[in-house]
């Protein structure tokens, strides 16, 4: 046979707290308020994280743009000629810098 749990005779029913009856509607209202509070906190956190993600995207786009500008500035223009330089004593002397490329 299975044993059944026995409830002590002095234990109040679940609808009471400290022996005083609690209306069932009050528990539902408290539960609803907790639900609304949790939803508001969730919405606020979602907005904060979305704003942080938007800032990260904007900063990444700016960084990529600056990298593009920097790389474009490093390119040599087309038609640039290479000049010749020779070491004379302790100095370098460049030849051909005053001639235009043909």
PDB file of N, CA and C in Angstrom:
ATOM      1  N   UNK A   1       0.835  -1.179   0.000  1.00  0.00           N
ATOM      2  CA  UNK A   1       0.000   0.000   0.000  1.00  0.00           C
ATOM      3  C   UNK A   1       0.877   1.239   0.000  1.00  0.00           C
ATOM      4  N   UNK A   2       0.353   2.248  -0.606  1.00  0.00           N
ATOM      5  CA  UNK A   2       1.117   3.493  -0.627  1.00  0.00           C
ATOM      6  C   UNK A   2       0.788   4.319   0.606  1.00  0.00           C
ATOM      7  N   UNK A   3       1.777   5.027   1.065  1.00  0.00           N
ATOM      8  CA  UNK A   3       1.555   5.883   2.226  1.00  0.00           C
ATOM      9  C   UNK A   3       1.177   7.272   1.747  1.00  0.00           C
ATOM     10  N   UNK A   4       0.236   7.871   2.382  1.00  0.00           N
ATOM     11  CA  UNK A   4      -0.177   9.226   2.027  1.00  0.00           C
ATOM     12  C   UNK A   4       0.389  10.186   3.058  1.00  0.00           C
ATOM     13  N   UNK A   5       0.772  11.352   2.575  1.00  0.00           N
ATOM     14  CA  UNK A   5       1.296  12.357   3.499  1.00  0.00           C
ATOM     15  C   UNK A   5       0.153  12.921   4.312  1.00  0.00           C
ATOM     16  N   UNK A   6       0.399  13.099   5.562  1.00  0.00           N
ATOM     17  CA  UNK A   6      -0.629  13.676   6.430  1.00  0.00           C
ATOM     18  C   UNK A   6      -0.283  15.122   6.709  1.00  0.00           C
ATOM     19  N   UNK A   7      -1.286  15.936   6.735  1.00  0.00           N
ATOM     20  CA  UNK A   7      -1.123  17.357   7.000  1.00  0.00           C
ATOM     21  C   UNK A   7      -1.443  17.588   8.471  1.00  0.00           C
ATOM     22  N   UNK A   8      -0.577  18.308   9.185  1.00  0.00           N
ATOM     23  CA  UNK A   8      -0.883  18.574  10.599  1.00  0.00           C
ATOM     24  C   UNK A   8      -2.183  19.354  10.723  1.00  0.00           C
ATOM     25  N   UNK A   9      -2.889  19.105  11.768  1.00  0.00           N
ATOM     26  CA  UNK A   9      -4.190  19.746  11.966  1.00  0.00           C
ATOM     27  C   UNK A   9      -4.064  21.241  12.211  1.00  0.00           C
ATOM     28  N   UNK A  10      -2.932  21.695  12.773  1.00  0.00           N
ATOM     29  CA  UNK A  10      -2.801  23.120  13.075  1.00  0.00           C
ATOM     30  C   UNK A  10      -2.241  23.931  11.908  1.00  0.00           C
ATOM     31  N   UNK A  11      -1.977  23.332  10.748  1.00  0.00           N
ATOM     32  CA  UNK A  11      -1.435  24.055   9.589  1.00  0.00           C
ATOM     33  C   UNK A  11      -2.559  24.833   8.912  1.00  0.00           C
ATOM     34  N   UNK A  12      -2.337  26.139   8.658  1.00  0.00           N
ATOM     35  CA  UNK A  12      -3.409  26.930   8.041  1.00  0.00           C
ATOM     36  C   UNK A  12      -3.590  26.540   6.572  1.00  0.00           C
ATOM     37  N   UNK A  13      -4.762  26.765   6.020  1.00  0.00           N
ATOM     38  CA  UNK A  13      -4.978  26.465   4.600  1.00  0.00           C
ATOM     39  C   UNK A  13      -4.113  27.389   3.729  1.00  0.00           C
ATOM     40  N   UNK A  14      -3.885  27.006   2.483  1.00  0.00           N
ATOM     41  CA  UNK A  14      -2.996  27.806   1.635  1.00  0.00           C
ATOM     42  C   UNK A  14      -3.471  29.236   1.397  1.00  0.00           C
ATOM     43  N   UNK A  15      -4.749  29.522   1.569  1.00  0.00           N
ATOM     44  CA  UNK A  15      -5.256  30.870   1.332  1.00  0.00           C
ATOM     45  C   UNK A  15      -5.034  31.803   2.506  1.00  0.00           C
ATOM     46  N   UNK A  16      -4.370  31.344   3.550  1.00  0.00           N
ATOM     47  CA  UNK A  16      -4.155  32.190   4.720  1.00  0.00           C
ATOM     48  C   UNK A  16      -2.671  32.436   4.924  1.00  0.00           C
ATOM     49  N   UNK A  17      -2.367  33.536   5.571  1.00  0.00           N
ATOM     50  CA  UNK A  17      -0.992  33.868   5.926  1.00  0.00           C
ATOM     51  C   UNK A  17      -0.994  34.277   7.382  1.00  0.00           C
ATOM     52  N   UNK A  18      -0.229  33.603   8.194  1.00  0.00           N
ATOM     53  CA  UNK A  18      -0.207  33.828   9.638  1.00  0.00           C
ATOM     54  C   UNK A  18      -1.600  33.686  10.241  1.00  0.00           C
ATOM     55  N   UNK A  19      -2.367  32.805   9.659  1.00  0.00           N
ATOM     56  CA  UNK A  19      -3.690  32.542  10.204  1.00  0.00           C
ATOM     57  C   UNK A  19      -4.758  33.500   9.715  1.00  0.00           C
ATOM     58  N   UNK A  20      -4.368  34.616   9.066  1.00  0.00           N
ATOM     59  CA  UNK A  20      -5.351  35.579   8.580  1.00  0.00           C
ATOM     60  C   UNK A  20      -5.695  35.247   7.135  1.00  0.00           C
ATOM     61  N   UNK A  21      -6.954  35.209   6.776  1.00  0.00           N
ATOM     62  CA  UNK A  21      -7.314  34.887   5.392  1.00  0.00           C
ATOM     63  C   UNK A  21      -6.863  35.991   4.440  1.00  0.00           C
ATOM     64  N   UNK A  22      -6.347  35.572   3.322  1.00  0.00           N
ATOM     65  CA  UNK A  22      -5.903  36.513   2.286  1.00  0.00           C
ATOM     66  C   UNK A  22      -6.812  36.350   1.073  1.00  0.00           C
ATOM     67  N   UNK A  23      -7.278  37.450   0.553  1.00  0.00           N
ATOM     68  CA  UNK A  23      -8.132  37.334  -0.633  1.00  0.00           C
ATOM     69  C   UNK A  23      -7.314  36.830  -1.827  1.00  0.00           C
ATOM     70  N   UNK A  24      -7.941  35.964  -2.602  1.00  0.00           N
ATOM     71  CA  UNK A  24      -7.271  35.396  -3.768  1.00  0.00           C
ATOM     72  C   UNK A  24      -6.985  36.498  -4.789  1.00  0.00           C
ATOM     73  N   UNK A  25      -7.852  37.485  -4.907  1.00  0.00           N
ATOM     74  CA  UNK A  25      -7.660  38.579  -5.856  1.00  0.00           C
ATOM     75  C   UNK A  25      -6.413  39.388  -5.555  1.00  0.00           C
ATOM     76  N   UNK A  26      -6.075  39.518  -4.256  1.00  0.00           N
ATOM     77  CA  UNK A  26      -4.879  40.277  -3.882  1.00  0.00           C
ATOM     78  C   UNK A  26      -3.620  39.605  -4.417  1.00  0.00           C
ATOM     79  N   UNK A  27      -3.606  38.268  -4.370  1.00  0.00           N
ATOM     80  CA  UNK A  27      -2.444  37.548  -4.908  1.00  0.00           C
ATOM     81  C   UNK A  27      -2.344  37.721  -6.411  1.00  0.00           C
ATOM     82  N   UNK A  28      -3.470  37.753  -7.074  1.00  0.00           N
ATOM     83  CA  UNK A  28      -3.449  37.947  -8.523  1.00  0.00           C
ATOM     84  C   UNK A  28      -2.978  39.352  -8.878  1.00  0.00           C
ATOM     85  N   UNK A  29      -3.408  40.330  -8.110  1.00  0.00           N
ATOM     86  CA  UNK A  29      -2.965  41.706  -8.364  1.00  0.00           C
ATOM     87  C   UNK A  29      -1.464  41.830  -8.116  1.00  0.00           C
ATOM     88  N   UNK A  30      -0.976  41.224  -7.035  1.00  0.00           N
ATOM     89  CA  UNK A  30       0.461  41.269  -6.752  1.00  0.00           C
ATOM     90  C   UNK A  30       1.248  40.556  -7.846  1.00  0.00           C
ATOM     91  N   UNK A  31       0.738  39.429  -8.320  1.00  0.00           N
ATOM     92  CA  UNK A  31       1.399  38.715  -9.412  1.00  0.00           C
ATOM     93  C   UNK A  31       1.416  39.529 -10.694  1.00  0.00           C
ATOM     94  N   UNK A  32       0.307  40.217 -10.973  1.00  0.00           N
ATOM     95  CA  UNK A  32       0.239  41.056 -12.169  1.00  0.00           C
ATOM     96  C   UNK A  32       1.215  42.228 -12.062  1.00  0.00           C
ATOM     97  N   UNK A  33       1.291  42.836 -10.869  1.00  0.00           N
ATOM     98  CA  UNK A  33       2.247  43.933 -10.694  1.00  0.00           C
ATOM     99  C   UNK A  33       3.688  43.454 -10.861  1.00  0.00           C
ATOM    100  N   UNK A  34       3.991  42.270 -10.346  1.00  0.00           N
ATOM    101  CA  UNK A  34       5.338  41.720 -10.522  1.00  0.00           C
ATOM    102  C   UNK A  34       5.613  41.449 -12.002  1.00  0.00           C
ATOM    103  N   UNK A  35       4.613  40.968 -12.720  1.00  0.00           N
ATOM    104  CA  UNK A  35       4.767  40.713 -14.144  1.00  0.00           C
ATOM    105  C   UNK A  35       5.027  42.009 -14.900  1.00  0.00           C
ATOM    106  N   UNK A  36       4.265  43.051 -14.590  1.00  0.00           N
ATOM    107  CA  UNK A  36       4.458  44.346 -15.254  1.00  0.00           C
ATOM    108  C   UNK A  36       5.837  44.918 -14.926  1.00  0.00           C
ATOM    109  N   UNK A  37       6.257  44.815 -13.679  1.00  0.00           N
ATOM    110  CA  UNK A  37       7.575  45.320 -13.299  1.00  0.00           C
ATOM    111  C   UNK A  37       8.678  44.574 -14.038  1.00  0.00           C
ATOM    112  N   UNK A  38       8.553  43.266 -14.146  1.00  0.00           N
ATOM    113  CA  UNK A  38       9.559  42.481 -14.868  1.00  0.00           C
ATOM    114  C   UNK A  38       9.568  42.852 -16.351  1.00  0.00           C
ATOM    115  N   UNK A  39       8.403  43.076 -16.922  1.00  0.00           N
ATOM    116  CA  UNK A  39       8.333  43.461 -18.335  1.00  0.00           C
ATOM    117  C   UNK A  39       8.974  44.829 -18.566  1.00  0.00           C
ATOM    118  N   UNK A  40       8.728  45.775 -17.658  1.00  0.00           N
ATOM    119  CA  UNK A  40       9.325  47.113 -17.790  1.00  0.00           C
ATOM    120  C   UNK A  40      10.844  47.036 -17.686  1.00  0.00           C
ATOM    121  N   UNK A  41      11.327  46.253 -16.730  1.00  0.00           N
ATOM    122  CA  UNK A  41      12.778  46.092 -16.599  1.00  0.00           C
ATOM    123  C   UNK A  41      13.354  45.454 -17.862  1.00  0.00           C
ATOM    124  N   UNK A  42      12.672  44.464 -18.410  1.00  0.00           N
ATOM    125  CA  UNK A  42      13.129  43.826 -19.643  1.00  0.00           C
ATOM    126  C   UNK A  42      13.172  44.783 -20.810  1.00  0.00           C
ATOM    127  N   UNK A  43      12.154  45.638 -20.933  1.00  0.00           N
ATOM    128  CA  UNK A  43      12.128  46.617 -22.025  1.00  0.00           C
ATOM    129  C   UNK A  43      13.254  47.628 -21.866  1.00  0.00           C
ATOM    130  N   UNK A  44      13.477  48.092 -20.654  1.00  0.00           N
ATOM    131  CA  UNK A  44      14.564  49.063 -20.411  1.00  0.00           C
ATOM    132  C   UNK A  44      15.914  48.440 -20.747  1.00  0.00           C
ATOM    133  N   UNK A  45      16.136  47.209 -20.321  1.00  0.00           N
ATOM    134  CA  UNK A  45      17.399  46.540 -20.647  1.00  0.00           C
ATOM    135  C   UNK A  45      17.548  46.336 -22.145  1.00  0.00           C
ATOM    136  N   UNK A  46      16.479  45.991 -22.829  1.00  0.00           N
ATOM    137  CA  UNK A  46      16.547  45.808 -24.280  1.00  0.00           C
ATOM    138  C   UNK A  46      16.912  47.113 -24.980  1.00  0.00           C
ATOM    139  N   UNK A  47      16.331  48.226 -24.531  1.00  0.00           N
ATOM    140  CA  UNK A  47      16.640  49.529 -25.137  1.00  0.00           C
ATOM    141  C   UNK A  47      18.095  49.910 -24.870  1.00  0.00           C
ATOM    142  N   UNK A  48      18.566  49.673 -23.652  1.00  0.00           N
ATOM    143  CA  UNK A  48      19.960  50.008 -23.320  1.00  0.00           C
ATOM    144  C   UNK A  48      20.926  49.194 -24.176  1.00  0.00           C
ATOM    145  N   UNK A  49      20.686  47.901 -24.296  1.00  0.00           N
ATOM    146  CA  UNK A  49      21.586  47.069 -25.092  1.00  0.00           C
ATOM    147  C   UNK A  49      21.483  47.386 -26.578  1.00  0.00           C
ATOM    148  N   UNK A  50      20.297  47.740 -27.060  1.00  0.00           N
ATOM    149  CA  UNK A  50      20.150  48.132 -28.462  1.00  0.00           C
ATOM    150  C   UNK A  50      20.913  49.425 -28.737  1.00  0.00           C
ATOM    151  N   UNK A  51      20.851  50.376 -27.804  1.00  0.00           N
ATOM    152  CA  UNK A  51      21.593  51.627 -27.976  1.00  0.00           C
ATOM    153  C   UNK A  51      23.094  51.366 -27.949  1.00  0.00           C
ATOM    154  N   UNK A  52      23.529  50.487 -27.065  1.00  0.00           N
ATOM    155  CA  UNK A  52      24.953  50.154 -27.019  1.00  0.00           C
ATOM    156  C   UNK A  52      25.391  49.496 -28.319  1.00  0.00           C
ATOM    157  N   UNK A  53      24.576  48.624 -28.861  1.00  0.00           N
ATOM    158  CA  UNK A  53      24.908  47.979 -30.132  1.00  0.00           C
ATOM    159  C   UNK A  53      24.950  49.003 -31.267  1.00  0.00           C
ATOM    160  N   UNK A  54      24.034  49.956 -31.254  1.00  0.00           N
ATOM    161  CA  UNK A  54      24.039  51.000 -32.288  1.00  0.00           C
ATOM    162  C   UNK A  54      25.314  51.840 -32.197  1.00  0.00           C
ATOM    163  N   UNK A  55      25.740  52.171 -30.999  1.00  0.00           N
ATOM    164  CA  UNK A  55      26.984  52.935 -30.832  1.00  0.00           C
ATOM    165  C   UNK A  55      28.174  52.128 -31.336  1.00  0.00           C
ATOM    166  N   UNK A  56      28.192  50.832 -31.046  1.00  0.00           N
ATOM    167  CA  UNK A  56      29.288  49.978 -31.512  1.00  0.00           C
ATOM    168  C   UNK A  56      29.314  49.946 -33.042  1.00  0.00           C
ATOM    169  N   UNK A  57      28.156  49.846 -33.673  1.00  0.00           N
ATOM    170  CA  UNK A  57      28.087  49.808 -35.137  1.00  0.00           C
ATOM    171  C   UNK A  57      28.580  51.132 -35.727  1.00  0.00           C
ATOM    172  N   UNK A  58      28.177  52.245 -35.142  1.00  0.00           N
ATOM    173  CA  UNK A  58      28.618  53.550 -35.645  1.00  0.00           C
ATOM    174  C   UNK A  58      30.129  53.712 -35.499  1.00  0.00           C
ATOM    175  N   UNK A  59      30.674  53.314 -34.349  1.00  0.00           N
ATOM    176  CA  UNK A  59      32.122  53.415 -34.152  1.00  0.00           C
ATOM    177  C   UNK A  59      32.881  52.492 -35.096  1.00  0.00           C
ATOM    178  N   UNK A  60      32.359  51.297 -35.344  1.00  0.00           N
ATOM    179  CA  UNK A  60      33.011  50.377 -36.278  1.00  0.00           C
ATOM    180  C   UNK A  60      32.989  50.941 -37.691  1.00  0.00           C
ATOM    181  N   UNK A  61      31.876  51.547 -38.089  1.00  0.00           N
ATOM    182  CA  UNK A  61      31.799  52.152 -39.422  1.00  0.00           C
ATOM    183  C   UNK A  61      32.779  53.312 -39.552  1.00  0.00           C
ATOM    184  N   UNK A  62      32.898  54.118 -38.500  1.00  0.00           N
ATOM    185  CA  UNK A  62      33.853  55.223 -38.536  1.00  0.00           C
ATOM    186  C   UNK A  62      35.283  54.703 -38.610  1.00  0.00           C
ATOM    187  N   UNK A  63      35.569  53.647 -37.880  1.00  0.00           N
ATOM    188  CA  UNK A  63      36.910  53.060 -37.907  1.00  0.00           C
ATOM    189  C   UNK A  63      37.235  52.493 -39.284  1.00  0.00           C
ATOM    190  N   UNK A  64      36.282  51.823 -39.897  1.00  0.00           N
ATOM    191  CA  UNK A  64      36.504  51.281 -41.242  1.00  0.00           C
ATOM    192  C   UNK A  64      36.686  52.418 -42.244  1.00  0.00           C
ATOM    193  N   UNK A  65      35.906  53.483 -42.103  1.00  0.00           N
ATOM    194  CA  UNK A  65      36.057  54.638 -42.989  1.00  0.00           C
ATOM    195  C   UNK A  65      37.421  55.298 -42.848  1.00  0.00           C
ATOM    196  N   UNK A  66      37.858  55.464 -41.610  1.00  0.00           N
ATOM    197  CA  UNK A  66      39.183  56.056 -41.399  1.00  0.00           C
ATOM    198  C   UNK A  66      40.285  55.152 -41.927  1.00  0.00           C
ATOM    199  N   UNK A  67      40.133  53.855 -41.796  1.00  0.00           N
ATOM    200  CA  UNK A  67      41.128  52.926 -42.338  1.00  0.00           C
ATOM    201  C   UNK A  67      41.174  53.030 -43.856  1.00  0.00           C
ATOM    202  N   UNK A  68      40.017  53.178 -44.485  1.00  0.00           N
ATOM    203  CA  UNK A  68      39.978  53.352 -45.941  1.00  0.00           C
ATOM    204  C   UNK A  68      40.665  54.627 -46.384  1.00  0.00           C
ATOM    205  N   UNK A  69      40.423  55.707 -45.653  1.00  0.00           N
ATOM    206  CA  UNK A  69      41.084  56.975 -45.990  1.00  0.00           C
ATOM    207  C   UNK A  69      42.592  56.857 -45.798  1.00  0.00           C
ATOM    208  N   UNK A  70      43.014  56.188 -44.732  1.00  0.00           N
ATOM    209  CA  UNK A  70      44.444  56.037 -44.473  1.00  0.00           C
ATOM    210  C   UNK A  70      45.112  55.183 -45.547  1.00  0.00           C
ATOM    211  N   UNK A  71      44.447  54.109 -45.948  1.00  0.00           N
ATOM    212  CA  UNK A  71      45.031  53.257 -46.981  1.00  0.00           C
ATOM    213  C   UNK A  71      45.058  53.951 -48.330  1.00  0.00           C
ATOM    214  N   UNK A  72      44.058  54.760 -48.621  1.00  0.00           N
ATOM    215  CA  UNK A  72      44.057  55.491 -49.886  1.00  0.00           C
ATOM    216  C   UNK A  72      45.185  56.516 -49.913  1.00  0.00           C
ATOM    217  N   UNK A  73      45.484  57.111 -48.774  1.00  0.00           N
ATOM    218  CA  UNK A  73      46.561  58.099 -48.700  1.00  0.00           C
ATOM    219  C   UNK A  73      47.937  57.478 -48.853  1.00  0.00           C
ATOM    220  N   UNK A  74      48.074  56.191 -48.590  1.00  0.00           N
ATOM    221  CA  UNK A  74      49.373  55.528 -48.712  1.00  0.00           C
ATOM    222  C   UNK A  74      49.670  55.103 -50.136  1.00  0.00           C
ATOM    223  N   UNK A  75      48.684  55.032 -50.992  1.00  0.00           N
ATOM    224  CA  UNK A  75      48.913  54.598 -52.373  1.00  0.00           C
ATOM    225  C   UNK A  75      49.755  55.619 -53.116  1.00  0.00           C
ATOM    226  N   UNK A  76      50.559  55.102 -54.001  1.00  0.00           N
ATOM    227  CA  UNK A  76      51.346  56.003 -54.856  1.00  0.00           C
ATOM    228  C   UNK A  76      50.481  56.432 -56.025  1.00  0.00           C
ATOM    229  N   UNK A  77      50.579  57.678 -56.397  1.00  0.00           N
ATOM    230  CA  UNK A  77      49.815  58.109 -57.571  1.00  0.00           C
ATOM    231  C   UNK A  77      50.377  57.448 -58.836  1.00  0.00           C
ATOM    232  N   UNK A  78      49.512  57.260 -59.819  1.00  0.00           N
ATOM    233  CA  UNK A  78      49.961  56.625 -61.057  1.00  0.00           C
ATOM    234  C   UNK A  78      50.931  57.544 -61.787  1.00  0.00           C
ATOM    235  N   UNK A  79      51.918  56.946 -62.414  1.00  0.00           N
ATOM    236  CA  UNK A  79      52.880  57.717 -63.175  1.00  0.00           C
ATOM    237  C   UNK A  79      54.001  58.279 -62.324  1.00  0.00           C
ATOM    238  N   UNK A  80      54.030  57.918 -61.045  1.00  0.00           N
ATOM    239  CA  UNK A  80      55.122  58.428 -60.214  1.00  0.00           C
ATOM    240  C   UNK A  80      56.407  57.724 -60.623  1.00  0.00           C
ATOM    241  N   UNK A  81      57.457  58.499 -60.774  1.00  0.00           N
ATOM    242  CA  UNK A  81      58.708  57.893 -61.192  1.00  0.00           C
ATOM    243  C   UNK A  81      59.603  57.648 -59.992  1.00  0.00           C
ATOM    244  N   UNK A  82      60.505  56.732 -60.183  1.00  0.00           N
ATOM    245  CA  UNK A  82      61.465  56.417 -59.147  1.00  0.00           C
ATOM    246  C   UNK A  82      62.730  57.190 -59.461  1.00  0.00           C
ATOM    247  N   UNK A  83      63.232  57.911 -58.483  1.00  0.00           N
ATOM    248  CA  UNK A  83      64.455  58.678 -58.723  1.00  0.00           C
ATOM    249  C   UNK A  83      65.658  57.869 -58.252  1.00  0.00           C
ATOM    250  N   UNK A  84      66.794  58.245 -58.762  1.00  0.00           N
ATOM    251  CA  UNK A  84      68.030  57.563 -58.412  1.00  0.00           C
ATOM    252  C   UNK A  84      68.756  58.397 -57.373  1.00  0.00           C
ATOM    253  N   UNK A  85      69.357  57.726 -56.404  1.00  0.00           N
ATOM    254  CA  UNK A  85      70.129  58.423 -55.382  1.00  0.00           C
ATOM    255  C   UNK A  85      71.461  57.696 -55.201  1.00  0.00           C
ATOM    256  N   UNK A  86      72.508  58.469 -55.020  1.00  0.00           N
ATOM    257  CA  UNK A  86      73.838  57.899 -54.780  1.00  0.00           C
ATOM    258  C   UNK A  86      74.421  58.523 -53.540  1.00  0.00           C
ATOM    259  N   UNK A  87      75.185  57.727 -52.848  1.00  0.00           N
ATOM    260  CA  UNK A  87      75.830  58.224 -51.635  1.00  0.00           C
ATOM    261  C   UNK A  87      77.164  58.864 -52.036  1.00  0.00           C
ATOM    262  N   UNK A  88      77.288  60.130 -51.684  1.00  0.00           N
ATOM    263  CA  UNK A  88      78.512  60.865 -51.974  1.00  0.00           C
ATOM    264  C   UNK A  88      79.055  61.339 -50.630  1.00  0.00           C
ATOM    265  N   UNK A  89      80.112  60.700 -50.180  1.00  0.00           N
ATOM    266  CA  UNK A  89      80.659  61.048 -48.870  1.00  0.00           C
ATOM    267  C   UNK A  89      79.695  60.586 -47.798  1.00  0.00           C
ATOM    268  N   UNK A  90      79.252  61.528 -46.964  1.00  0.00           N
ATOM    269  CA  UNK A  90      78.296  61.211 -45.896  1.00  0.00           C
ATOM    270  C   UNK A  90      76.869  61.599 -46.265  1.00  0.00           C
ATOM    271  N   UNK A  91      76.652  62.005 -47.513  1.00  0.00           N
ATOM    272  CA  UNK A  91      75.328  62.491 -47.928  1.00  0.00           C
ATOM    273  C   UNK A  91      74.815  61.672 -49.093  1.00  0.00           C
ATOM    274  N   UNK A  92      73.526  61.735 -49.283  1.00  0.00           N
ATOM    275  CA  UNK A  92      72.900  61.116 -50.437  1.00  0.00           C
ATOM    276  C   UNK A  92      72.543  62.213 -51.425  1.00  0.00           C
ATOM    277  N   UNK A  93      72.825  61.972 -52.709  1.00  0.00           N
ATOM    278  CA  UNK A  93      72.520  62.933 -53.762  1.00  0.00           C
ATOM    279  C   UNK A  93      71.520  62.280 -54.694  1.00  0.00           C
ATOM    280  N   UNK A  94      70.390  62.955 -54.920  1.00  0.00           N
ATOM    281  CA  UNK A  94      69.326  62.423 -55.763  1.00  0.00           C
ATOM    282  C   UNK A  94      69.446  62.998 -57.161  1.00  0.00           C
ATOM    283  N   UNK A  95      69.239  62.135 -58.144  1.00  0.00           N
ATOM    284  CA  UNK A  95      69.272  62.538 -59.549  1.00  0.00           C
ATOM    285  C   UNK A  95      67.917  62.248 -60.164  1.00  0.00           C
ATOM    286  N   UNK A  96      67.511  63.092 -61.051  1.00  0.00           N
ATOM    287  CA  UNK A  96      66.290  62.863 -61.793  1.00  0.00           C
ATOM    288  C   UNK A  96      65.040  63.374 -61.118  1.00  0.00           C
ATOM    289  N   UNK A  97      65.129  64.016 -59.985  1.00  0.00           N
ATOM    290  CA  UNK A  97      63.926  64.487 -59.298  1.00  0.00           C
ATOM    291  C   UNK A  97      63.293  65.677 -59.979  1.00  0.00           C
ATOM    292  N   UNK A  98      64.075  66.406 -60.793  1.00  0.00           N
ATOM    293  CA  UNK A  98      63.547  67.602 -61.450  1.00  0.00           C
ATOM    294  C   UNK A  98      63.026  67.306 -62.842  1.00  0.00           C
ATOM    295  N   UNK A  99      63.051  66.065 -63.273  1.00  0.00           N
ATOM    296  CA  UNK A  99      62.558  65.717 -64.617  1.00  0.00           C
ATOM    297  C   UNK A  99      61.132  65.169 -64.489  1.00  0.00           C
ATOM    298  N   UNK A 100      60.308  65.592 -65.444  1.00  0.00           N
ATOM    299  CA  UNK A 100      58.932  65.099 -65.447  1.00  0.00           C
ATOM    300  C   UNK A 100      58.897  63.698 -66.052  1.00  0.00           C
ATOM    301  N   UNK A 101      57.979  62.839 -65.522  1.00  0.00           N
ATOM    302  CA  UNK A 101      57.853  61.517 -66.160  1.00  0.00           C
ATOM    303  C   UNK A 101      57.259  61.646 -67.557  1.00  0.00           C
ATOM    304  N   UNK A 102      57.660  60.796 -68.428  1.00  0.00           N
ATOM    305  CA  UNK A 102      57.176  60.907 -69.822  1.00  0.00           C
ATOM    306  C   UNK A 102      56.038  59.961 -70.084  1.00  0.00           C
TER     307      UNK A 102
END
